[in-house]
Amino acid sequence: MNPSELTLLVLRFGFLLVLWLFVFGIVYALRSDMFGQRVRKLPESSQPAAASPFPAAAAASAPAAAAAGVTEPVMKSAPVSSLPSGANRAGGHTNASVQSARRLVITSGPRAGTELPLGRDPITIGRSGESNLVIRDDYTSTHHARLLLWNDEWMIQDLDSTNGTFLDGRRVTVPTQVPLDTPIKIGTTTFELRR
């Protein structure tokens, strides 16, 4: 085997190696995009005592709760009029609350016409099969957003999605109160909270 044939053989193997690395990279990216990153469970001793959907509010009131010996979750012990720091109030509209909003109605997108009853539990929205509202399109993240109750009023929280969550045409960057009959757009799907 002369040197030029040896060089050609090494180049072929190098090319195949780079090609396979590229294929494995694509498969890994698709797997993590479709199924999300693996989540490690923390040992019991390192888990926080009370989980809050608003980390800033939980961090601010956790020392006071610990000093008072309160064992309830931080969300339940917060004053009724308070919102987490950075949260937005919806202006000029009737806010969706436990009493006023009874259902989530998808108004446009692949699942238009679908209705979900609203309870008191948070509703996770995303492409993941673990989500309460599964939206399978290219513009929805695996764990995109969630609807949750704060002092009996529904709020929308974007979960650092790639393409964003929009409430009445404005991008949601902090947990924001949701007015009744106001469109929330995630990917190609739009839905509203209704009576």
N, C-alpha and C. Protein backbone atom coordinates (compact mmCIF):
# COMPACT_ATOMS: atom_id res chain seq x y z
N MET A 1 0.86 -1.17 0.00
CA MET A 1 0.00 0.00 0.00
C MET A 1 0.90 1.23 0.00
N ASN A 2 0.74 2.06 -1.00
CA ASN A 2 1.60 3.25 -1.08
C ASN A 2 1.02 4.38 -0.21
N PRO A 3 1.80 5.43 0.04
CA PRO A 3 1.37 6.51 0.95
C PRO A 3 0.09 7.22 0.52
N SER A 4 -0.17 7.36 -0.78
CA SER A 4 -1.39 8.06 -1.20
C SER A 4 -2.64 7.23 -0.90
N GLU A 5 -2.56 5.90 -1.04
CA GLU A 5 -3.69 5.03 -0.70
C GLU A 5 -3.93 5.04 0.81
N LEU A 6 -2.87 5.04 1.60
CA LEU A 6 -2.99 5.10 3.06
C LEU A 6 -3.64 6.42 3.50
N THR A 7 -3.23 7.51 2.88
CA THR A 7 -3.81 8.81 3.20
C THR A 7 -5.30 8.83 2.85
N LEU A 8 -5.66 8.27 1.71
CA LEU A 8 -7.06 8.22 1.28
C LEU A 8 -7.88 7.36 2.25
N LEU A 9 -7.34 6.24 2.72
CA LEU A 9 -8.03 5.38 3.67
C LEU A 9 -8.25 6.09 5.01
N VAL A 10 -7.24 6.82 5.50
CA VAL A 10 -7.37 7.57 6.76
C VAL A 10 -8.42 8.67 6.61
N LEU A 11 -8.43 9.35 5.48
CA LEU A 11 -9.42 10.39 5.24
C LEU A 11 -10.84 9.81 5.20
N ARG A 12 -11.01 8.62 4.60
CA ARG A 12 -12.33 7.99 4.56
C ARG A 12 -12.82 7.65 5.97
N PHE A 13 -11.93 7.05 6.78
CA PHE A 13 -12.33 6.72 8.16
C PHE A 13 -12.60 7.98 8.97
N GLY A 14 -11.81 9.02 8.76
CA GLY A 14 -12.04 10.29 9.45
C GLY A 14 -13.39 10.89 9.07
N PHE A 15 -13.71 10.83 7.77
CA PHE A 15 -14.99 11.35 7.30
C PHE A 15 -16.15 10.57 7.91
N LEU A 16 -16.03 9.22 7.94
CA LEU A 16 -17.08 8.40 8.53
C LEU A 16 -17.25 8.70 10.02
N LEU A 17 -16.15 8.92 10.74
CA LEU A 17 -16.22 9.24 12.15
C LEU A 17 -16.95 10.58 12.37
N VAL A 18 -16.61 11.58 11.59
CA VAL A 18 -17.27 12.89 11.70
C VAL A 18 -18.75 12.77 11.34
N LEU A 19 -19.08 11.98 10.33
CA LEU A 19 -20.46 11.78 9.92
C LEU A 19 -21.28 11.12 11.04
N TRP A 20 -20.70 10.08 11.69
CA TRP A 20 -21.41 9.41 12.78
C TRP A 20 -21.55 10.33 14.00
N LEU A 21 -20.57 11.13 14.30
CA LEU A 21 -20.69 12.08 15.39
C LEU A 21 -21.81 13.08 15.11
N PHE A 22 -21.93 13.51 13.88
CA PHE A 22 -23.00 14.42 13.48
C PHE A 22 -24.37 13.76 13.66
N VAL A 23 -24.50 12.50 13.23
CA VAL A 23 -25.77 11.77 13.36
C VAL A 23 -26.13 11.61 14.83
N PHE A 24 -25.18 11.22 15.69
CA PHE A 24 -25.45 11.07 17.12
C PHE A 24 -25.83 12.40 17.76
N GLY A 25 -25.21 13.49 17.32
CA GLY A 25 -25.56 14.81 17.83
C GLY A 25 -27.00 15.18 17.50
N ILE A 26 -27.43 14.88 16.28
CA ILE A 26 -28.81 15.17 15.88
C ILE A 26 -29.79 14.32 16.69
N VAL A 27 -29.50 13.04 16.84
CA VAL A 27 -30.39 12.15 17.61
C VAL A 27 -30.49 12.64 19.06
N TYR A 28 -29.37 13.04 19.66
CA TYR A 28 -29.39 13.53 21.04
C TYR A 28 -30.22 14.81 21.15
N ALA A 29 -30.06 15.72 20.19
CA ALA A 29 -30.82 16.97 20.23
C ALA A 29 -32.32 16.71 20.06
N LEU A 30 -32.69 15.82 19.16
CA LEU A 30 -34.10 15.49 18.98
C LEU A 30 -34.68 14.82 20.22
N ARG A 31 -33.92 13.91 20.83
CA ARG A 31 -34.40 13.22 22.02
C ARG A 31 -34.63 14.21 23.16
N SER A 32 -33.69 15.11 23.38
CA SER A 32 -33.85 16.06 24.48
C SER A 32 -34.95 17.08 24.18
N ASP A 33 -35.18 17.40 22.91
CA ASP A 33 -36.24 18.34 22.56
C ASP A 33 -37.61 17.69 22.71
N MET A 34 -37.73 16.41 22.37
CA MET A 34 -39.01 15.72 22.45
C MET A 34 -39.35 15.29 23.87
N PHE A 35 -38.37 14.81 24.61
CA PHE A 35 -38.65 14.22 25.93
C PHE A 35 -38.12 15.06 27.08
N GLY A 36 -37.40 16.13 26.82
CA GLY A 36 -36.88 16.99 27.87
C GLY A 36 -35.61 16.42 28.48
N GLN A 37 -35.00 17.23 29.30
CA GLN A 37 -33.79 16.81 29.99
C GLN A 37 -34.16 15.94 31.18
N ARG A 38 -33.28 15.03 31.54
CA ARG A 38 -33.52 14.20 32.71
C ARG A 38 -33.42 15.04 33.96
N VAL A 39 -34.32 14.80 34.87
CA VAL A 39 -34.35 15.54 36.12
C VAL A 39 -33.88 14.62 37.23
N ARG A 40 -32.90 15.09 37.99
CA ARG A 40 -32.41 14.30 39.12
C ARG A 40 -33.20 14.67 40.36
N LYS A 41 -33.54 13.66 41.14
CA LYS A 41 -34.22 13.93 42.40
C LYS A 41 -33.17 14.28 43.44
N LEU A 42 -33.47 15.30 44.23
CA LEU A 42 -32.60 15.68 45.31
C LEU A 42 -32.87 14.80 46.52
N PRO A 43 -31.86 14.55 47.34
CA PRO A 43 -32.13 13.82 48.58
C PRO A 43 -33.10 14.62 49.45
N GLU A 44 -33.85 13.91 50.28
CA GLU A 44 -34.86 14.56 51.12
C GLU A 44 -34.30 15.73 51.91
N SER A 45 -33.07 15.63 52.39
CA SER A 45 -32.50 16.68 53.24
C SER A 45 -32.22 17.97 52.48
N SER A 46 -32.01 17.89 51.16
CA SER A 46 -31.69 19.10 50.40
C SER A 46 -32.88 19.68 49.66
N GLN A 47 -34.07 19.04 49.76
CA GLN A 47 -35.24 19.59 49.10
C GLN A 47 -35.79 20.74 49.93
N PRO A 48 -36.29 21.82 49.28
CA PRO A 48 -36.87 22.92 50.02
C PRO A 48 -38.14 22.50 50.72
N ALA A 49 -38.44 23.14 51.86
CA ALA A 49 -39.61 22.78 52.65
C ALA A 49 -40.90 23.14 51.95
N ALA A 50 -40.94 24.27 51.28
CA ALA A 50 -42.16 24.70 50.60
C ALA A 50 -41.82 25.13 49.18
N ALA A 51 -42.48 24.49 48.22
CA ALA A 51 -42.22 24.84 46.82
C ALA A 51 -43.19 25.91 46.39
N SER A 52 -42.70 26.91 45.68
CA SER A 52 -43.54 27.97 45.17
C SER A 52 -43.27 28.14 43.69
N PRO A 53 -44.28 28.45 42.88
CA PRO A 53 -44.05 28.69 41.47
C PRO A 53 -43.34 30.01 41.24
N PHE A 54 -43.20 30.83 42.28
CA PHE A 54 -42.54 32.12 42.17
C PHE A 54 -41.32 32.11 43.06
N PRO A 55 -40.15 31.72 42.54
CA PRO A 55 -38.97 31.58 43.39
C PRO A 55 -38.61 32.85 44.15
N ALA A 56 -38.77 34.01 43.55
CA ALA A 56 -38.39 35.25 44.23
C ALA A 56 -39.27 35.48 45.45
N ALA A 57 -40.56 35.21 45.30
CA ALA A 57 -41.47 35.40 46.43
C ALA A 57 -41.21 34.38 47.52
N ALA A 58 -40.91 33.14 47.12
CA ALA A 58 -40.64 32.11 48.11
C ALA A 58 -39.36 32.41 48.87
N ALA A 59 -38.33 32.88 48.17
CA ALA A 59 -37.06 33.19 48.82
C ALA A 59 -37.21 34.36 49.78
N ALA A 60 -38.05 35.34 49.42
CA ALA A 60 -38.21 36.52 50.27
C ALA A 60 -38.98 36.20 51.54
N SER A 61 -40.00 35.31 51.45
CA SER A 61 -40.82 35.06 52.63
C SER A 61 -40.44 33.80 53.38
N ALA A 62 -39.50 33.00 52.87
CA ALA A 62 -39.10 31.78 53.56
C ALA A 62 -38.46 32.05 54.92
N PRO A 63 -37.54 33.05 55.07
CA PRO A 63 -36.97 33.28 56.40
C PRO A 63 -38.02 33.70 57.42
N ALA A 64 -39.00 34.52 57.01
CA ALA A 64 -40.03 34.95 57.94
C ALA A 64 -40.90 33.77 58.36
N ALA A 65 -41.22 32.90 57.42
CA ALA A 65 -42.04 31.74 57.72
C ALA A 65 -41.29 30.78 58.65
N ALA A 66 -39.99 30.61 58.39
CA ALA A 66 -39.19 29.72 59.23
C ALA A 66 -39.10 30.27 60.65
N ALA A 67 -38.96 31.58 60.79
CA ALA A 67 -38.85 32.19 62.11
C ALA A 67 -40.16 32.06 62.89
N ALA A 68 -41.28 32.11 62.17
CA ALA A 68 -42.58 32.01 62.83
C ALA A 68 -42.99 30.56 63.05
N GLY A 69 -42.21 29.61 62.51
CA GLY A 69 -42.54 28.20 62.66
C GLY A 69 -43.69 27.76 61.77
N VAL A 70 -43.95 28.49 60.68
CA VAL A 70 -45.04 28.15 59.77
C VAL A 70 -44.61 26.99 58.90
N THR A 71 -45.45 25.97 58.79
CA THR A 71 -45.11 24.82 57.96
C THR A 71 -45.95 24.77 56.70
N GLU A 72 -46.88 25.72 56.53
CA GLU A 72 -47.70 25.75 55.32
C GLU A 72 -46.85 26.21 54.14
N PRO A 73 -47.26 25.85 52.90
CA PRO A 73 -46.57 26.39 51.74
C PRO A 73 -46.63 27.91 51.72
N VAL A 74 -45.63 28.54 51.15
CA VAL A 74 -45.53 29.99 51.13
C VAL A 74 -46.71 30.62 50.41
N MET A 75 -47.21 29.98 49.34
CA MET A 75 -48.31 30.56 48.58
C MET A 75 -49.54 30.76 49.45
N LYS A 76 -49.83 29.81 50.36
CA LYS A 76 -51.04 29.91 51.18
C LYS A 76 -50.90 30.96 52.27
N SER A 77 -49.67 31.24 52.71
CA SER A 77 -49.51 32.17 53.81
C SER A 77 -49.30 33.61 53.36
N ALA A 78 -49.27 33.85 52.05
CA ALA A 78 -49.06 35.20 51.53
C ALA A 78 -50.34 36.02 51.71
N PRO A 79 -50.22 37.34 51.93
CA PRO A 79 -51.41 38.18 52.05
C PRO A 79 -52.20 38.16 50.75
N VAL A 80 -53.51 38.30 50.88
CA VAL A 80 -54.40 38.21 49.72
C VAL A 80 -54.09 39.26 48.67
N SER A 81 -53.71 40.45 49.08
CA SER A 81 -53.50 41.53 48.12
C SER A 81 -52.14 41.49 47.46
N SER A 82 -51.24 40.62 47.93
CA SER A 82 -49.87 40.66 47.41
C SER A 82 -49.71 39.78 46.20
N LEU A 83 -48.84 40.18 45.32
CA LEU A 83 -48.42 39.39 44.18
C LEU A 83 -46.93 39.18 44.30
N PRO A 84 -46.40 38.13 43.68
CA PRO A 84 -44.97 37.94 43.73
C PRO A 84 -44.24 39.10 43.07
N SER A 85 -43.04 39.37 43.54
CA SER A 85 -42.30 40.50 42.98
C SER A 85 -42.10 40.29 41.49
N GLY A 86 -42.35 41.32 40.72
CA GLY A 86 -42.18 41.26 39.27
C GLY A 86 -43.43 40.81 38.54
N ALA A 87 -44.48 40.36 39.25
CA ALA A 87 -45.68 39.89 38.58
C ALA A 87 -46.49 41.07 38.05
N ASN A 88 -47.20 40.82 36.98
CA ASN A 88 -48.03 41.87 36.36
C ASN A 88 -49.48 41.67 36.72
N ARG A 89 -50.17 42.78 36.89
CA ARG A 89 -51.62 42.75 37.05
C ARG A 89 -52.22 43.08 35.68
N ALA A 90 -53.27 42.36 35.34
CA ALA A 90 -53.96 42.66 34.09
C ALA A 90 -54.79 43.92 34.33
N GLY A 91 -54.72 44.85 33.42
CA GLY A 91 -55.40 46.12 33.63
C GLY A 91 -56.69 46.23 32.86
N GLY A 92 -57.74 46.72 33.53
CA GLY A 92 -58.97 47.07 32.84
C GLY A 92 -59.92 45.93 32.54
N HIS A 93 -59.60 44.70 32.83
CA HIS A 93 -60.47 43.58 32.53
C HIS A 93 -60.78 42.83 33.81
N THR A 94 -61.87 42.04 33.76
CA THR A 94 -62.19 41.17 34.88
C THR A 94 -61.21 40.01 34.87
N ASN A 95 -60.49 39.83 35.96
CA ASN A 95 -59.51 38.75 36.02
C ASN A 95 -60.19 37.41 36.18
N ALA A 96 -59.60 36.39 35.57
CA ALA A 96 -60.11 35.03 35.70
C ALA A 96 -59.77 34.53 37.09
N SER A 97 -60.79 34.11 37.81
CA SER A 97 -60.59 33.60 39.17
C SER A 97 -61.25 32.23 39.27
N VAL A 98 -61.11 31.63 40.44
CA VAL A 98 -61.73 30.32 40.66
C VAL A 98 -63.24 30.42 40.48
N GLN A 99 -63.83 31.53 40.92
CA GLN A 99 -65.28 31.69 40.82
C GLN A 99 -65.73 32.05 39.41
N SER A 100 -64.96 32.83 38.67
CA SER A 100 -65.42 33.32 37.37
C SER A 100 -65.01 32.43 36.20
N ALA A 101 -63.86 31.81 36.23
CA ALA A 101 -63.39 30.98 35.11
C ALA A 101 -63.64 29.51 35.42
N ARG A 102 -64.41 28.87 34.57
CA ARG A 102 -64.75 27.46 34.78
C ARG A 102 -64.11 26.53 33.76
N ARG A 103 -63.66 27.09 32.61
CA ARG A 103 -63.14 26.22 31.55
C ARG A 103 -62.09 26.92 30.72
N LEU A 104 -61.22 26.14 30.13
CA LEU A 104 -60.21 26.61 29.19
C LEU A 104 -60.69 26.16 27.82
N VAL A 105 -60.83 27.10 26.88
CA VAL A 105 -61.34 26.79 25.55
C VAL A 105 -60.27 27.12 24.51
N ILE A 106 -59.91 26.13 23.70
CA ILE A 106 -58.94 26.36 22.61
C ILE A 106 -59.70 26.94 21.43
N THR A 107 -59.30 28.15 21.03
CA THR A 107 -60.04 28.87 19.98
C THR A 107 -59.41 28.73 18.60
N SER A 108 -58.11 28.45 18.52
CA SER A 108 -57.48 28.23 17.21
C SER A 108 -56.30 27.30 17.36
N GLY A 109 -55.94 26.66 16.27
CA GLY A 109 -54.85 25.70 16.28
C GLY A 109 -55.36 24.31 15.98
N PRO A 110 -54.48 23.31 16.04
CA PRO A 110 -54.87 21.94 15.69
C PRO A 110 -55.99 21.37 16.56
N ARG A 111 -56.10 21.83 17.81
CA ARG A 111 -57.11 21.29 18.73
C ARG A 111 -58.24 22.29 18.99
N ALA A 112 -58.54 23.14 18.01
CA ALA A 112 -59.58 24.16 18.17
C ALA A 112 -60.91 23.51 18.53
N GLY A 113 -61.60 24.12 19.50
CA GLY A 113 -62.88 23.60 19.95
C GLY A 113 -62.77 22.74 21.20
N THR A 114 -61.57 22.34 21.57
CA THR A 114 -61.38 21.52 22.76
C THR A 114 -61.59 22.37 24.01
N GLU A 115 -62.25 21.80 25.01
CA GLU A 115 -62.47 22.49 26.27
C GLU A 115 -61.93 21.63 27.40
N LEU A 116 -61.29 22.29 28.38
CA LEU A 116 -60.82 21.60 29.59
C LEU A 116 -61.46 22.27 30.79
N PRO A 117 -61.99 21.49 31.72
CA PRO A 117 -62.53 22.11 32.93
C PRO A 117 -61.39 22.60 33.81
N LEU A 118 -61.60 23.72 34.48
CA LEU A 118 -60.59 24.26 35.38
C LEU A 118 -60.92 23.85 36.80
N GLY A 119 -59.92 23.34 37.49
CA GLY A 119 -60.07 23.03 38.91
C GLY A 119 -59.22 24.02 39.70
N ARG A 120 -58.51 23.51 40.68
CA ARG A 120 -57.63 24.35 41.47
C ARG A 120 -56.16 24.00 41.21
N ASP A 121 -55.91 22.93 40.47
CA ASP A 121 -54.55 22.49 40.21
C ASP A 121 -53.91 23.28 39.08
N PRO A 122 -52.59 23.47 39.12
CA PRO A 122 -51.91 24.13 38.00
C PRO A 122 -52.06 23.31 36.72
N ILE A 123 -52.07 23.98 35.59
CA ILE A 123 -52.16 23.33 34.29
C ILE A 123 -50.86 23.58 33.56
N THR A 124 -50.12 22.52 33.29
CA THR A 124 -48.87 22.65 32.53
C THR A 124 -49.19 22.51 31.05
N ILE A 125 -48.47 23.29 30.25
CA ILE A 125 -48.72 23.34 28.81
C ILE A 125 -47.40 23.12 28.09
N GLY A 126 -47.40 22.23 27.12
CA GLY A 126 -46.18 22.00 26.35
C GLY A 126 -46.30 20.78 25.45
N ARG A 127 -45.19 20.44 24.82
CA ARG A 127 -45.15 19.31 23.91
C ARG A 127 -44.98 17.99 24.63
N SER A 128 -44.52 18.03 25.86
CA SER A 128 -44.28 16.82 26.64
C SER A 128 -45.58 16.08 26.92
N GLY A 129 -45.51 14.75 26.89
CA GLY A 129 -46.67 13.94 27.22
C GLY A 129 -47.08 14.08 28.68
N GLU A 130 -46.19 14.63 29.51
CA GLU A 130 -46.49 14.83 30.93
C GLU A 130 -47.33 16.09 31.16
N SER A 131 -47.48 16.93 30.16
CA SER A 131 -48.22 18.18 30.30
C SER A 131 -49.72 17.90 30.41
N ASN A 132 -50.45 18.77 31.13
CA ASN A 132 -51.90 18.65 31.21
C ASN A 132 -52.55 19.01 29.89
N LEU A 133 -51.99 20.01 29.20
CA LEU A 133 -52.46 20.40 27.88
C LEU A 133 -51.30 20.19 26.91
N VAL A 134 -51.39 19.13 26.12
CA VAL A 134 -50.31 18.78 25.19
C VAL A 134 -50.57 19.47 23.86
N ILE A 135 -49.58 20.28 23.43
CA ILE A 135 -49.65 20.98 22.14
C ILE A 135 -48.46 20.51 21.33
N ARG A 136 -48.71 19.78 20.29
CA ARG A 136 -47.63 19.24 19.48
C ARG A 136 -47.49 20.05 18.19
N ASP A 137 -46.65 21.06 18.24
CA ASP A 137 -46.27 21.79 17.03
C ASP A 137 -44.83 22.24 17.18
N ASP A 138 -44.25 22.69 16.08
CA ASP A 138 -42.83 23.04 16.07
C ASP A 138 -42.50 24.29 16.86
N TYR A 139 -43.50 25.06 17.26
CA TYR A 139 -43.26 26.33 17.94
C TYR A 139 -43.51 26.26 19.45
N THR A 140 -43.81 25.06 19.94
CA THR A 140 -44.09 24.86 21.36
C THR A 140 -42.93 24.11 21.99
N SER A 141 -42.45 24.60 23.13
CA SER A 141 -41.36 23.94 23.85
C SER A 141 -41.90 22.73 24.61
N THR A 142 -40.99 21.86 25.04
CA THR A 142 -41.38 20.66 25.78
C THR A 142 -42.16 21.03 27.03
N HIS A 143 -41.65 21.95 27.82
CA HIS A 143 -42.35 22.50 28.99
C HIS A 143 -42.45 24.00 28.74
N HIS A 144 -43.55 24.44 28.16
CA HIS A 144 -43.66 25.79 27.62
C HIS A 144 -44.16 26.81 28.65
N ALA A 145 -45.29 26.52 29.27
CA ALA A 145 -45.90 27.48 30.19
C ALA A 145 -46.78 26.73 31.18
N ARG A 146 -47.29 27.49 32.16
CA ARG A 146 -48.28 26.90 33.06
C ARG A 146 -49.25 27.96 33.54
N LEU A 147 -50.47 27.52 33.76
CA LEU A 147 -51.52 28.32 34.38
C LEU A 147 -51.60 27.88 35.82
N LEU A 148 -51.64 28.84 36.74
CA LEU A 148 -51.71 28.48 38.15
C LEU A 148 -52.50 29.51 38.90
N LEU A 149 -52.97 29.11 40.06
CA LEU A 149 -53.74 30.01 40.91
C LEU A 149 -52.82 30.74 41.87
N TRP A 150 -53.05 32.03 42.00
CA TRP A 150 -52.36 32.85 43.00
C TRP A 150 -53.43 33.69 43.67
N ASN A 151 -53.70 33.42 44.93
CA ASN A 151 -54.79 34.10 45.67
C ASN A 151 -56.11 33.98 44.92
N ASP A 152 -56.40 32.77 44.44
CA ASP A 152 -57.63 32.42 43.73
C ASP A 152 -57.80 33.13 42.40
N GLU A 153 -56.75 33.69 41.82
CA GLU A 153 -56.81 34.27 40.48
C GLU A 153 -55.84 33.53 39.57
N TRP A 154 -56.27 33.27 38.34
CA TRP A 154 -55.44 32.53 37.39
C TRP A 154 -54.34 33.42 36.85
N MET A 155 -53.14 32.85 36.78
CA MET A 155 -51.98 33.55 36.24
C MET A 155 -51.31 32.65 35.22
N ILE A 156 -50.69 33.27 34.22
CA ILE A 156 -49.92 32.53 33.22
C ILE A 156 -48.45 32.79 33.49
N GLN A 157 -47.65 31.73 33.43
CA GLN A 157 -46.21 31.83 33.64
C GLN A 157 -45.49 31.13 32.50
N ASP A 158 -44.62 31.85 31.81
CA ASP A 158 -43.80 31.25 30.76
C ASP A 158 -42.65 30.51 31.43
N LEU A 159 -42.35 29.30 30.97
CA LEU A 159 -41.30 28.49 31.57
C LEU A 159 -40.03 28.54 30.72
N ASP A 160 -39.57 29.76 30.41
CA ASP A 160 -38.37 29.98 29.60
C ASP A 160 -38.47 29.27 28.26
N SER A 161 -39.62 29.39 27.61
CA SER A 161 -39.81 28.76 26.31
C SER A 161 -39.01 29.49 25.24
N THR A 162 -38.76 28.81 24.15
CA THR A 162 -37.99 29.39 23.05
C THR A 162 -38.77 30.46 22.32
N ASN A 163 -40.03 30.18 21.99
CA ASN A 163 -40.82 31.09 21.17
C ASN A 163 -41.78 31.97 21.96
N GLY A 164 -41.83 31.82 23.27
CA GLY A 164 -42.60 32.73 24.11
C GLY A 164 -44.07 32.38 24.25
N THR A 165 -44.66 33.00 25.26
CA THR A 165 -46.08 32.90 25.55
C THR A 165 -46.65 34.31 25.44
N PHE A 166 -47.79 34.46 24.77
CA PHE A 166 -48.35 35.78 24.51
C PHE A 166 -49.75 35.88 25.11
N LEU A 167 -49.97 36.91 25.91
CA LEU A 167 -51.27 37.20 26.50
C LEU A 167 -51.80 38.47 25.85
N ASP A 168 -52.87 38.35 25.10
CA ASP A 168 -53.48 39.47 24.38
C ASP A 168 -52.45 40.18 23.49
N GLY A 169 -51.58 39.40 22.84
CA GLY A 169 -50.60 39.95 21.90
C GLY A 169 -49.30 40.41 22.52
N ARG A 170 -49.19 40.42 23.85
CA ARG A 170 -47.97 40.86 24.52
C ARG A 170 -47.24 39.65 25.11
N ARG A 171 -45.93 39.63 24.94
CA ARG A 171 -45.14 38.51 25.45
C ARG A 171 -45.11 38.52 26.98
N VAL A 172 -45.31 37.36 27.58
CA VAL A 172 -45.31 37.20 29.03
C VAL A 172 -43.88 36.91 29.48
N THR A 173 -43.34 37.77 30.34
CA THR A 173 -41.98 37.55 30.84
C THR A 173 -41.97 37.23 32.33
N VAL A 174 -43.02 37.62 33.03
CA VAL A 174 -43.18 37.32 34.46
C VAL A 174 -44.59 36.77 34.65
N PRO A 175 -44.87 36.09 35.75
CA PRO A 175 -46.23 35.60 35.98
C PRO A 175 -47.23 36.76 35.89
N THR A 176 -48.27 36.59 35.07
CA THR A 176 -49.20 37.66 34.77
C THR A 176 -50.63 37.18 34.96
N GLN A 177 -51.47 38.03 35.58
CA GLN A 177 -52.87 37.69 35.77
C GLN A 177 -53.56 37.59 34.42
N VAL A 178 -54.47 36.63 34.31
CA VAL A 178 -55.18 36.38 33.06
C VAL A 178 -56.61 36.91 33.16
N PRO A 179 -56.97 37.89 32.31
CA PRO A 179 -58.36 38.34 32.27
C PRO A 179 -59.24 37.30 31.58
N LEU A 180 -60.52 37.29 31.91
CA LEU A 180 -61.48 36.40 31.23
C LEU A 180 -61.54 36.73 29.75
N ASP A 181 -61.77 35.73 28.94
CA ASP A 181 -61.98 35.87 27.49
C ASP A 181 -60.85 36.62 26.79
N THR A 182 -59.63 36.47 27.29
CA THR A 182 -58.47 37.12 26.68
C THR A 182 -57.59 36.04 26.04
N PRO A 183 -57.22 36.21 24.77
CA PRO A 183 -56.45 35.15 24.10
C PRO A 183 -55.04 34.98 24.65
N ILE A 184 -54.67 33.73 24.87
CA ILE A 184 -53.31 33.33 25.25
C ILE A 184 -52.80 32.49 24.10
N LYS A 185 -51.65 32.89 23.53
CA LYS A 185 -51.12 32.20 22.36
C LYS A 185 -49.82 31.49 22.71
N ILE A 186 -49.80 30.19 22.44
CA ILE A 186 -48.61 29.35 22.62
C ILE A 186 -48.41 28.59 21.33
N GLY A 187 -47.30 28.84 20.65
CA GLY A 187 -47.08 28.22 19.36
C GLY A 187 -48.16 28.65 18.39
N THR A 188 -48.81 27.66 17.75
CA THR A 188 -49.89 27.98 16.80
C THR A 188 -51.26 27.83 17.45
N THR A 189 -51.29 27.63 18.76
CA THR A 189 -52.55 27.41 19.48
C THR A 189 -52.92 28.64 20.31
N THR A 190 -54.18 29.03 20.25
CA THR A 190 -54.70 30.14 21.06
C THR A 190 -55.84 29.59 21.90
N PHE A 191 -55.87 29.99 23.17
CA PHE A 191 -56.95 29.56 24.06
C PHE A 191 -57.34 30.71 24.98
N GLU A 192 -58.49 30.57 25.63
CA GLU A 192 -59.03 31.58 26.55
C GLU A 192 -59.58 30.90 27.78
N LEU A 193 -59.63 31.63 28.89
CA LEU A 193 -60.32 31.17 30.08
C LEU A 193 -61.71 31.80 30.05
N ARG A 194 -62.74 30.96 30.19
CA ARG A 194 -64.12 31.43 30.07
C ARG A 194 -64.97 30.95 31.23
N ARG A 195 -66.14 31.58 31.36
CA ARG A 195 -67.10 31.21 32.40
C ARG A 195 -67.66 29.83 32.16
